[in-house]
Each structure stands twice: as C-alpha cells, then as structure tokens.
C-alpha cells in the first residue's frame, strides 16, 4: 500500500511477494532503487518482449487504448 503514496514508487513496476519476517523500515529507499519505467510505455522497465501488439486479441488492444487515453488526459 505504501507504493500508492510514495513519490519514489511513481513509474516503477515491481512485484510484491509475501515473505516471512519483519517489514522493511524504509520502503522509499527500496522504491527509489528500482529502474524507472519508460515514459508512455505500458511495459515495466525490465519487462521482456512478449506478444506483438498486432497479435494481441482485440479486447486487449481496446483495453490498452483506453489506458493510454486516460494517461493522456492527466
């Protein structure tokens, strides 16, 4: 939940995994250490290339377009 309000987490894609043990004290430092996602990209900084956009199902392309439109309105 801290990623929702931490400026250091902006434009950074990460996977959160539950582990045993205590919580981290400084999440901002953890977020800041991540690679920043490319501006305007729907992929995370280290996402591997997978399916080409034109090969995605139409419903997926429609969803991506809706996300891009909302981002452009910001």
Protein backbone atom coordinates (compact mmCIF):
# COMPACT_ATOMS: atom_id res chain seq x y z
CA UNK A 1 0.00 0.00 0.00
CA UNK A 2 2.93 2.34 0.59
CA UNK A 3 3.55 2.44 -3.17
CA UNK A 4 0.26 4.27 -3.66
CA UNK A 5 1.54 7.37 -1.86
CA UNK A 6 5.34 7.20 -2.21
CA UNK A 7 6.75 9.55 -4.87
CA UNK A 8 9.72 7.17 -5.20
CA UNK A 9 7.37 4.45 -6.48
CA UNK A 10 5.96 6.57 -9.32
CA UNK A 11 6.52 4.97 -12.75
CA UNK A 12 8.17 1.90 -11.25
CA UNK A 13 6.86 -1.60 -11.81
CA UNK A 14 7.53 -4.19 -9.15
CA UNK A 15 6.21 -7.49 -7.91
CA UNK A 16 5.40 -7.75 -4.26
CA UNK A 17 5.89 -11.16 -2.65
CA UNK A 18 4.91 -12.09 0.90
CA UNK A 19 7.83 -13.43 2.89
CA UNK A 20 8.38 -14.50 6.47
CA UNK A 21 9.96 -11.97 8.78
CA UNK A 22 9.60 -8.34 9.68
CA UNK A 23 8.63 -5.49 7.45
CA UNK A 24 11.12 -3.13 5.80
CA UNK A 25 11.62 0.16 7.59
CA UNK A 26 12.36 2.36 4.58
CA UNK A 27 10.21 1.43 1.59
CA UNK A 28 11.01 4.72 -0.15
CA UNK A 29 14.65 3.65 -0.49
CA UNK A 30 13.50 0.31 -1.93
CA UNK A 31 11.26 2.02 -4.49
CA UNK A 32 13.94 4.57 -5.43
CA UNK A 33 16.41 1.75 -6.19
CA UNK A 34 14.11 0.31 -8.90
CA UNK A 35 14.58 1.13 -12.58
CA UNK A 36 12.07 3.70 -13.77
CA UNK A 37 9.62 2.60 -16.46
CA UNK A 38 9.88 4.30 -19.85
CA UNK A 39 7.59 7.30 -20.20
CA UNK A 40 4.47 6.43 -22.14
CA UNK A 41 5.16 2.70 -22.13
CA UNK A 42 2.74 0.15 -20.78
CA UNK A 43 5.64 -2.21 -20.04
CA UNK A 44 7.77 -2.18 -16.93
CA UNK A 45 11.46 -1.25 -17.16
CA UNK A 46 12.60 -4.87 -17.29
CA UNK A 47 9.59 -6.48 -18.94
CA UNK A 48 10.57 -8.91 -21.65
CA UNK A 49 9.10 -8.52 -25.09
CA UNK A 50 6.27 -10.96 -25.46
CA UNK A 51 3.40 -10.84 -27.90
CA UNK A 52 3.48 -8.18 -30.60
CA UNK A 53 0.70 -5.65 -30.23
CA UNK A 54 -0.97 -6.54 -33.52
CA UNK A 55 -1.13 -10.19 -32.37
CA UNK A 56 -2.96 -9.35 -29.14
CA UNK A 57 -6.70 -10.07 -29.05
CA UNK A 58 -8.85 -7.06 -29.95
CA UNK A 59 -10.20 -6.82 -26.39
CA UNK A 60 -6.64 -6.44 -25.09
CA UNK A 61 -5.85 -3.75 -27.68
CA UNK A 62 -9.06 -1.93 -26.72
CA UNK A 63 -8.08 -2.02 -23.04
CA UNK A 64 -4.59 -0.71 -23.82
CA UNK A 65 -6.03 2.14 -25.86
CA UNK A 66 -8.39 3.06 -23.01
CA UNK A 67 -5.44 3.16 -20.58
CA UNK A 68 -3.40 5.32 -22.96
CA UNK A 69 -6.32 7.73 -23.39
CA UNK A 70 -6.74 8.10 -19.63
CA UNK A 71 -3.00 8.66 -19.20
CA UNK A 72 -3.02 11.34 -21.90
CA UNK A 73 -5.77 13.19 -20.03
CA UNK A 74 -3.62 13.56 -16.90
